[in-house]
Amino acid sequence: MRIAKTISLALVLSVAVLLFTVIPSAASGVPADKYTYELSGMLKVQMETIEFEGTDGPQEYEVIYVGEDAEIKFTPKEKMSASVRAYDPDGYYSGNVELEVEGLGGGLTEIEANKTATAALGINFWGCPYPYYIFSFGDDQNTTTIIYKSSDEAAAPAPEPTEEPTEEPTEEPAEEPAPSPVSETEPVKEPAPAPAPAPAPAPAPKVNTTYKVQQGDTLGTIALNNYGSYKYHTKIYKANKELLKKHKDRLSEGMELILPSDGLLPVLNTEKGKVYTVKAGDTLGKIAAKHYGSASKYTKIYEANKGIIKNANLIFEGQKIVIPN
């Protein structure tokens, strides 16, 4: 489903040139000495003409093609705003990619100085295959914008360096040392073999689980409720790629998805409470006031959901939590 939103005029600014993982500063961009930036999974760079929703017609952009495991790492040296927006291949806005900030969790748009924000650029964004991603960051004076396009192309192999043949120096044969004399009356004792170490117990194999799609689910909300972050939607997509392709990348109620075991959150404990789905504008304080009559009892909800809520100040629309009795 397309969400009709406009993008800021900053997105129309020229895209900074990317060579390796360094972005030189542009006239309208953030000076390069004010941040560090890394991109994994880059495939190629090419010029494209496309009309992004909210802009004044088709324009030419420099687009960085990235593979399915691409990831941005961005560290400002002073506080900056940052966002990653996703657009479908026709240029229509599809939603925002969650920025994960070290030690602070996800969903932030203000990045503190010397904190590293990461964002995964998957080949599927909430059911939209091969999207464009627009990464914008800056302050009140300057903005840098970078445009990516996800792709399943294989990265071109790097050419192997050719070496000039070199003559190997001839070595003089080394003299073998004379054997030490051994007494005829004392036999040589062979050292006793060291005892073989006991084999380490094999780790218990990690078992994937299955999830039955419910009404209103998206890959993003399934990722949020089972892994604690929207960015894991790419992990779920990869594990169910063939199934989703058969259904034209659409989820349907009752569909069974495989959830890889790596990173799975503990299952909600509903024995002493009931499940609540977070709504837009909710905070733990508001939820506590609604269910207990006092916002100060938010800690009761937080303690019951510690394995799911990483930061008491950060909960997300669509997230399922337990309200203790």
Protein backbone atom coordinates (compact mmCIF):
# COMPACT_ATOMS: atom_id res chain seq x y z
CA MET A 1 0.00 0.00 0.00
CA ARG A 2 1.40 3.41 -0.94
CA ILE A 3 1.44 6.08 1.71
CA ALA A 4 0.95 9.57 0.28
CA LYS A 5 3.57 11.82 1.88
CA THR A 6 5.90 14.47 0.55
CA ILE A 7 9.62 14.69 1.03
CA SER A 8 11.50 17.80 2.05
CA LEU A 9 13.19 20.06 -0.48
CA ALA A 10 16.51 18.83 0.90
CA LEU A 11 15.99 15.64 -1.10
CA VAL A 12 16.31 17.61 -4.32
CA LEU A 13 19.87 18.67 -3.47
CA SER A 14 22.74 17.18 -5.43
CA VAL A 15 23.91 13.79 -4.23
CA ALA A 16 27.46 13.69 -2.90
CA VAL A 17 29.85 11.45 -4.88
CA LEU A 18 30.72 8.21 -3.12
CA LEU A 19 34.12 6.65 -3.71
CA PHE A 20 34.88 3.61 -1.61
CA THR A 21 33.18 4.65 1.66
CA VAL A 22 34.05 8.35 1.79
CA ILE A 23 31.69 11.17 0.79
CA PRO A 24 33.53 14.36 -0.18
CA SER A 25 31.75 17.48 1.04
CA ALA A 26 29.61 19.37 -1.50
CA ALA A 27 28.70 23.05 -1.59
CA SER A 28 25.29 22.30 -0.11
CA GLY A 29 26.43 19.31 1.93
CA VAL A 30 27.69 18.76 5.45
CA PRO A 31 31.50 19.23 5.58
CA ALA A 32 33.22 15.83 5.55
CA ASP A 33 35.17 16.57 8.73
CA LYS A 34 31.91 16.73 10.72
CA TYR A 35 31.01 13.04 10.38
CA THR A 36 32.21 9.58 9.42
CA TYR A 37 30.27 7.26 7.15
CA GLU A 38 30.56 3.66 5.97
CA LEU A 39 28.56 1.69 3.43
CA SER A 40 28.77 -2.07 3.02
CA GLY A 41 27.48 -3.94 -0.01
CA MET A 42 28.03 -1.30 -2.72
CA LEU A 43 27.73 -2.74 -6.26
CA LYS A 44 28.01 0.21 -8.65
CA VAL A 45 27.18 3.91 -9.15
CA GLN A 46 25.17 5.22 -12.12
CA MET A 47 23.10 8.23 -13.17
CA GLU A 48 19.30 7.75 -13.34
CA THR A 49 16.34 9.96 -14.18
CA ILE A 50 13.42 9.37 -11.83
CA GLU A 51 10.53 11.31 -10.32
CA PHE A 52 10.28 10.86 -6.56
CA GLU A 53 6.93 11.59 -4.97
CA GLY A 54 6.77 15.22 -3.81
CA THR A 55 9.38 16.58 -6.25
CA ASP A 56 8.83 18.78 -9.32
CA GLY A 57 8.97 16.18 -12.08
CA PRO A 58 11.67 13.74 -13.18
CA GLN A 59 15.25 14.67 -12.33
CA GLU A 60 18.65 13.10 -12.81
CA TYR A 61 20.28 11.63 -9.73
CA GLU A 62 23.46 9.76 -8.98
CA VAL A 63 22.31 6.41 -7.58
CA ILE A 64 24.40 3.93 -5.60
CA TYR A 65 23.34 0.31 -6.22
CA VAL A 66 23.66 -1.94 -3.17
CA GLY A 67 23.25 -5.66 -2.48
CA GLU A 68 20.88 -7.43 -0.10
CA ASP A 69 23.15 -7.16 2.97
CA ALA A 70 23.91 -3.46 2.54
CA GLU A 71 24.17 -1.36 5.69
CA ILE A 72 24.86 2.30 6.47
CA LYS A 73 26.95 3.34 9.49
CA PHE A 74 26.87 7.08 10.26
CA THR A 75 28.64 8.86 13.15
CA PRO A 76 28.27 12.67 13.43
CA LYS A 77 30.88 14.65 15.35
CA GLU A 78 28.16 17.02 16.51
CA LYS A 79 24.42 16.53 16.97
CA MET A 80 22.60 16.10 13.62
CA SER A 81 19.24 15.07 12.22
CA ALA A 82 19.19 11.96 10.04
CA SER A 83 16.58 9.88 8.23
CA VAL A 84 16.36 7.07 5.67
CA ARG A 85 13.23 7.07 3.49
CA ALA A 86 12.19 4.19 1.26
CA TYR A 87 10.51 4.59 -2.16
CA ASP A 88 9.19 1.93 -4.49
CA PRO A 89 10.79 1.48 -7.95
CA ASP A 90 8.28 3.99 -9.40
CA GLY A 91 9.33 6.69 -6.93
CA TYR A 92 6.36 6.50 -4.52
CA TYR A 93 7.05 6.93 -0.79
CA SER A 94 6.82 3.62 1.12
CA GLY A 95 7.94 4.56 4.66
CA ASN A 96 10.96 5.27 6.83
CA VAL A 97 13.77 2.85 7.66
CA GLU A 98 14.53 2.68 11.37
CA LEU A 99 17.92 4.04 12.43
CA GLU A 100 19.45 2.01 15.25
CA VAL A 101 21.69 4.12 17.53
CA GLU A 102 24.26 2.43 19.74
CA GLY A 103 23.13 2.28 23.35
CA LEU A 104 19.85 4.08 22.61
CA GLY A 105 17.80 1.65 20.53
CA GLY A 106 15.95 2.37 17.30
CA GLY A 107 13.60 4.91 15.81
CA LEU A 108 15.70 8.01 16.52
CA THR A 109 15.99 10.93 14.09
CA GLU A 110 18.34 13.09 16.19
CA ILE A 111 21.81 11.55 16.41
CA GLU A 112 24.00 12.74 19.27
CA ALA A 113 27.68 13.56 18.69
CA ASN A 114 29.95 10.51 18.40
CA LYS A 115 27.05 8.06 18.46
CA THR A 116 26.88 5.59 15.56
CA ALA A 117 23.56 5.10 13.77
CA THR A 118 23.05 2.07 11.51
CA ALA A 119 20.37 1.29 8.93
CA ALA A 120 19.86 -1.88 6.87
CA LEU A 121 19.06 -1.36 3.16
CA GLY A 122 17.29 -4.62 2.33
CA ILE A 123 16.16 -5.72 -1.13
CA ASN A 124 12.61 -5.79 0.23
CA PHE A 125 10.98 -3.05 2.32
CA TRP A 126 7.70 -4.15 3.93
CA GLY A 127 6.63 -6.04 0.81
CA CYS A 128 8.11 -3.53 -1.66
CA PRO A 129 10.88 -5.29 -3.64
CA TYR A 130 14.04 -3.47 -4.80
CA PRO A 131 13.23 -0.04 -3.34
CA TYR A 132 15.16 3.21 -3.52
CA TYR A 133 16.51 4.54 -0.22
CA ILE A 134 17.20 8.24 0.38
CA PHE A 135 19.58 8.98 3.27
CA SER A 136 19.56 12.62 4.45
CA PHE A 137 21.52 14.09 7.33
CA GLY A 138 22.61 17.52 8.49
CA ASP A 139 21.88 20.55 10.65
CA ASP A 140 20.08 23.87 10.20
CA GLN A 141 22.68 25.09 7.69
CA ASN A 142 23.72 22.12 5.56
CA THR A 143 22.19 18.87 4.35
CA THR A 144 23.78 15.90 2.58
CA THR A 145 21.56 13.53 0.62
CA ILE A 146 22.54 10.13 -0.79
CA ILE A 147 20.34 7.89 -2.96
CA TYR A 148 20.65 4.10 -3.07
CA LYS A 149 18.89 1.41 -5.11
CA SER A 150 18.70 -2.13 -3.79
CA SER A 151 19.56 -4.92 -6.20
CA ASP A 152 20.20 -8.66 -6.21
CA GLU A 153 23.03 -8.29 -8.71
CA ALA A 154 26.25 -10.01 -7.76
CA ALA A 155 29.19 -7.76 -6.98
CA ALA A 156 31.80 -7.75 -9.74
CA PRO A 157 34.89 -9.70 -8.64
CA ALA A 158 37.97 -7.59 -8.08
CA PRO A 159 40.73 -8.26 -10.67
CA GLU A 160 43.57 -10.31 -9.33
CA PRO A 161 46.90 -8.43 -9.35
CA THR A 162 49.47 -9.76 -11.80
CA GLU A 163 52.93 -10.20 -10.39
CA GLU A 164 56.21 -10.04 -12.27
CA PRO A 165 58.04 -13.38 -12.00
CA THR A 166 61.04 -13.14 -9.71
CA GLU A 167 64.01 -15.41 -9.56
CA GLU A 168 64.15 -17.39 -6.39
CA PRO A 169 67.59 -17.20 -4.77
CA THR A 170 69.45 -20.47 -4.61
CA GLU A 171 70.22 -21.49 -1.09
CA GLU A 172 73.28 -23.27 0.09
CA PRO A 173 72.34 -26.65 1.60
CA ALA A 174 72.36 -26.37 5.37
CA GLU A 175 74.61 -28.72 7.27
CA GLU A 176 72.71 -31.25 9.31
CA PRO A 177 73.68 -31.08 12.99
CA ALA A 178 75.58 -34.06 14.29
CA PRO A 179 73.46 -36.31 16.50
CA SER A 180 74.07 -36.03 20.24
CA PRO A 181 75.94 -38.98 21.67
CA VAL A 182 73.79 -41.52 23.47
CA SER A 183 75.11 -43.64 26.28
CA GLU A 184 75.13 -47.35 25.42
CA THR A 185 74.23 -48.28 28.97
CA GLU A 186 71.22 -45.94 29.34
CA PRO A 187 68.32 -46.52 26.96
CA VAL A 188 66.61 -43.45 25.53
CA LYS A 189 63.17 -42.95 27.08
CA GLU A 190 60.36 -41.86 24.80
CA PRO A 191 58.25 -39.03 26.35
CA ALA A 192 54.84 -40.22 27.52
CA PRO A 193 52.08 -39.02 25.14
CA ALA A 194 49.95 -36.23 26.53
CA PRO A 195 46.40 -37.33 27.33
CA ALA A 196 43.92 -36.37 24.63
CA PRO A 197 41.65 -33.51 25.71
CA ALA A 198 38.05 -34.47 26.36
CA PRO A 199 35.87 -33.41 23.43
CA ALA A 200 33.83 -30.26 24.15
CA PRO A 201 30.08 -30.87 24.24
CA ALA A 202 28.44 -29.88 20.97
CA PRO A 203 26.31 -26.72 21.30
CA ALA A 204 22.60 -27.29 21.13
CA PRO A 205 21.38 -26.57 17.60
CA LYS A 206 19.36 -23.41 17.15
CA VAL A 207 15.84 -24.18 16.02
CA ASN A 208 13.86 -21.87 13.76
CA THR A 209 10.25 -21.23 14.68
CA THR A 210 7.13 -20.55 12.64
CA TYR A 211 4.73 -17.64 12.79
CA LYS A 212 1.15 -17.54 11.53
CA VAL A 213 0.36 -14.19 9.88
CA GLN A 214 -2.45 -12.25 11.53
CA GLN A 215 -4.71 -9.57 10.11
CA GLY A 216 -2.88 -6.24 9.79
CA ASP A 217 0.61 -7.80 9.98
CA THR A 218 3.50 -6.50 7.91
CA LEU A 219 7.05 -7.86 7.77
CA GLY A 220 8.03 -4.79 9.80
CA THR A 221 5.60 -5.41 12.68
CA ILE A 222 6.42 -9.14 12.68
CA ALA A 223 10.12 -8.23 12.91
CA LEU A 224 9.44 -5.68 15.67
CA ASN A 225 7.47 -8.12 17.81
CA ASN A 226 9.76 -11.10 17.34
CA TYR A 227 13.21 -9.47 17.14
CA GLY A 228 12.71 -6.04 18.73
CA SER A 229 13.49 -4.01 15.61
CA TYR A 230 11.92 -3.24 12.24
CA LYS A 231 15.29 -3.79 10.51
CA TYR A 232 14.96 -7.57 10.92
CA HIS A 233 12.24 -7.63 8.24
CA THR A 234 15.02 -8.39 5.74
CA LYS A 235 15.99 -11.50 7.74
CA ILE A 236 12.37 -12.73 7.63
CA TYR A 237 12.08 -11.94 3.92
CA LYS A 238 15.22 -13.94 3.07
CA ALA A 239 14.01 -16.95 5.08
CA ASN A 240 10.68 -16.93 3.22
CA LYS A 241 11.77 -15.62 -0.17
CA GLU A 242 10.27 -18.38 -2.30
CA LEU A 243 6.94 -18.40 -0.45
CA LEU A 244 6.59 -14.61 -0.67
CA LYS A 245 7.46 -14.57 -4.38
CA LYS A 246 4.63 -17.04 -5.04
CA HIS A 247 2.27 -14.57 -3.36
CA LYS A 248 3.71 -11.52 -5.19
CA ASP A 249 5.43 -10.34 -1.99
CA ARG A 250 2.10 -9.96 -0.17
CA LEU A 251 1.19 -11.33 3.24
CA SER A 252 -2.15 -13.03 3.77
CA GLU A 253 -3.84 -13.97 7.02
CA GLY A 254 -2.98 -17.53 8.06
CA MET A 255 0.25 -17.71 6.00
CA GLU A 256 2.99 -19.54 7.92
CA LEU A 257 6.40 -17.84 7.93
CA ILE A 258 9.73 -19.22 9.12
CA LEU A 259 11.40 -17.05 11.77
CA PRO A 260 15.16 -17.67 11.98
CA SER A 261 16.27 -18.43 15.54
CA ASP A 262 19.11 -15.90 15.57
CA GLY A 263 18.03 -12.86 17.59
CA LEU A 264 14.52 -14.05 18.45
CA LEU A 265 13.02 -12.39 21.52
CA PRO A 266 11.50 -14.46 24.33
CA VAL A 267 7.83 -15.31 23.88
CA LEU A 268 5.42 -12.93 25.62
CA ASN A 269 4.42 -14.28 29.02
CA THR A 270 0.65 -13.82 29.10
CA GLU A 271 -0.04 -15.97 32.19
CA LYS A 272 -0.21 -12.93 34.50
CA GLY A 273 -1.48 -10.29 32.13
CA LYS A 274 -3.02 -9.47 28.78
CA VAL A 275 -1.53 -8.52 25.42
CA TYR A 276 -1.75 -4.89 24.32
CA THR A 277 -0.84 -3.54 20.86
CA VAL A 278 0.85 -0.12 21.02
CA LYS A 279 -1.03 2.63 19.17
CA ALA A 280 0.28 5.81 17.57
CA GLY A 281 1.10 8.39 20.26
CA ASP A 282 1.29 5.84 23.10
CA THR A 283 3.89 6.02 25.86
CA LEU A 284 4.31 3.64 28.77
CA GLY A 285 3.00 6.43 31.01
CA LYS A 286 -0.18 6.86 28.95
CA ILE A 287 -0.75 3.11 28.84
CA ALA A 288 -0.24 2.87 32.63
CA ALA A 289 -2.68 5.75 33.23
CA LYS A 290 -5.27 4.01 31.05
CA HIS A 291 -4.97 0.60 32.72
CA TYR A 292 -3.94 1.47 36.29
CA GLY A 293 -5.16 5.04 36.71
CA SER A 294 -1.66 6.42 37.25
CA ALA A 295 1.13 7.20 34.77
CA SER A 296 3.72 6.61 37.51
CA LYS A 297 2.99 2.86 37.31
CA TYR A 298 4.66 2.64 33.90
CA THR A 299 7.56 0.83 35.61
CA LYS A 300 5.24 -2.12 36.26
CA ILE A 301 4.70 -2.50 32.50
CA TYR A 302 8.39 -1.95 31.75
CA GLU A 303 9.53 -4.62 34.24
CA ALA A 304 7.08 -7.14 32.75
CA ASN A 305 8.42 -6.51 29.23
CA LYS A 306 12.17 -6.03 29.84
CA GLY A 307 13.05 -8.74 27.35
CA ILE A 308 11.11 -6.89 24.64
CA ILE A 309 11.36 -3.16 25.48
CA LYS A 310 15.01 -2.10 25.38
CA ASN A 311 14.38 1.52 26.36
CA ALA A 312 11.39 2.61 28.50
CA ASN A 313 11.19 5.82 26.46
CA LEU A 314 11.01 4.01 23.11
CA ILE A 315 7.98 1.95 22.15
CA PHE A 316 6.62 1.59 18.63
CA GLU A 317 3.23 1.52 16.95
CA GLY A 318 2.22 -2.10 16.33
CA GLN A 319 4.46 -3.45 19.12
CA LYS A 320 2.82 -6.10 21.33
CA ILE A 321 3.46 -5.90 25.07
CA VAL A 322 1.97 -7.51 28.18
CA ILE A 323 -0.07 -5.44 30.66
CA PRO A 324 0.36 -7.19 34.03
CA ASN A 325 -2.77 -7.86 36.10
